[in-house]
Amino acid sequence: MQLRCNIHLAVQAYSLDGVSESLKKAYKLFTDGKFSNALQAVNQMLWTIPLVVVSTRKEVDEVKELITICRCAAVTTAFATAQLARAPVTNVSFALLVEI
């Protein structure tokens, strides 16, 4: 008796353009002061990037750059969230600082 396993798992590939659009949305959330939402969006991008399908060396370099940008954005957003939690009185001054 031979057992066959014909399980076909769905694979979802992500495009570089789609991840770039997600970065723009995360930046918009950050500039709107929605730091926890921005952090979630950036973390989701970091989980998505390994599934991005590229075909050229240039696109590979762009994906590497996106990883660096996402890491910096995650740290900056986490810092902004912590700062706001510590001193809610200075929300306006921090928002002005972020805009500079």
Protein backbone atom coordinates (compact mmCIF):
# COMPACT_ATOMS: atom_id res chain seq x y z
CA MET A 1 0.00 0.00 0.00
CA GLN A 2 1.48 3.30 -1.07
CA LEU A 3 0.44 6.55 0.57
CA ARG A 4 0.40 9.67 -1.47
CA CYS A 5 0.38 13.13 -0.08
CA ASN A 6 -0.91 15.61 -2.60
CA ILE A 7 -1.00 18.68 -0.44
CA HIS A 8 -0.67 21.85 -2.42
CA LEU A 9 0.09 24.83 -0.27
CA ALA A 10 -0.79 28.25 -1.53
CA VAL A 11 2.20 30.50 -2.01
CA GLN A 12 1.71 34.21 -2.06
CA ALA A 13 4.49 36.23 -3.58
CA TYR A 14 4.79 39.92 -2.88
CA SER A 15 6.04 42.54 -5.28
CA LEU A 16 8.59 45.23 -4.66
CA ASP A 17 6.03 47.86 -5.64
CA GLY A 18 3.55 46.53 -3.08
CA VAL A 19 6.09 46.71 -0.27
CA SER A 20 7.13 50.20 -1.37
CA GLU A 21 3.48 51.29 -1.15
CA SER A 22 3.29 49.80 2.34
CA LEU A 23 6.31 51.89 3.30
CA LYS A 24 4.55 55.04 2.09
CA LYS A 25 1.48 54.15 4.16
CA ALA A 26 3.63 53.50 7.24
CA TYR A 27 5.35 56.86 6.75
CA LYS A 28 1.95 58.55 6.48
CA LEU A 29 0.86 56.88 9.74
CA PHE A 30 4.07 58.08 11.39
CA THR A 31 3.69 61.67 10.22
CA ASP A 32 0.05 61.62 11.37
CA GLY A 33 1.26 60.70 14.87
CA LYS A 34 -0.20 57.16 14.82
CA PHE A 35 3.03 55.63 16.05
CA SER A 36 1.70 52.27 17.22
CA ASN A 37 -0.05 51.73 13.86
CA ALA A 38 3.10 52.80 12.03
CA LEU A 39 5.16 50.33 14.08
CA GLN A 40 2.75 47.53 13.22
CA ALA A 41 2.93 48.44 9.54
CA VAL A 42 6.74 48.47 9.55
CA ASN A 43 6.93 45.16 11.40
CA GLN A 44 4.50 43.63 8.91
CA MET A 45 6.75 44.84 6.10
CA LEU A 46 9.77 43.20 7.74
CA TRP A 47 7.85 39.92 7.80
CA THR A 48 6.73 40.38 4.18
CA ILE A 49 10.06 41.32 2.62
CA PRO A 50 11.47 37.76 2.59
CA LEU A 51 8.51 36.78 0.38
CA VAL A 52 9.16 39.50 -2.22
CA VAL A 53 9.91 38.09 -5.65
CA VAL A 54 12.50 39.98 -7.69
CA SER A 55 14.15 39.25 -11.00
CA THR A 56 17.13 41.59 -11.29
CA ARG A 57 20.15 42.46 -9.21
CA LYS A 58 18.95 46.05 -9.01
CA GLU A 59 15.70 44.88 -7.39
CA VAL A 60 17.70 42.78 -4.91
CA ASP A 61 19.61 45.92 -3.93
CA GLU A 62 16.32 47.81 -3.56
CA VAL A 63 14.98 45.09 -1.27
CA LYS A 64 18.13 45.33 0.86
CA GLU A 65 17.64 49.08 1.07
CA LEU A 66 14.01 48.56 2.09
CA ILE A 67 15.15 46.28 4.91
CA THR A 68 17.51 48.98 6.18
CA ILE A 69 14.78 51.63 5.93
CA CYS A 70 12.27 49.41 7.76
CA ARG A 71 14.70 48.67 10.57
CA CYS A 72 15.45 52.36 11.05
CA ALA A 73 11.76 53.19 10.87
CA ALA A 74 10.94 50.53 13.46
CA VAL A 75 13.52 51.89 15.89
CA THR A 76 12.43 55.50 15.31
CA THR A 77 8.76 54.63 15.70
CA ALA A 78 9.37 52.61 18.87
CA PHE A 79 11.36 55.52 20.27
CA ALA A 80 8.60 57.97 19.39
CA THR A 81 6.01 55.76 21.07
CA ALA A 82 8.14 55.50 24.22
CA GLN A 83 8.74 59.24 24.31
CA LEU A 84 5.03 59.99 24.04
CA ALA A 85 4.23 57.49 26.77
CA ARG A 86 6.72 59.13 29.15
CA ALA A 87 5.85 62.77 28.60
CA PRO A 88 2.41 63.34 27.06
CA VAL A 89 2.68 67.06 27.76
CA THR A 90 5.41 67.41 25.14
CA ASN A 91 3.45 65.78 22.30
CA VAL A 92 3.37 68.98 20.27
CA SER A 93 7.07 69.72 20.72
CA PHE A 94 7.97 66.13 19.76
CA ALA A 95 5.75 66.29 16.67
CA LEU A 96 7.54 69.48 15.65
CA LEU A 97 10.89 67.79 16.18
CA VAL A 98 9.87 64.82 13.99
CA GLU A 99 8.81 67.14 11.17
CA ILE A 100 12.25 68.82 11.06
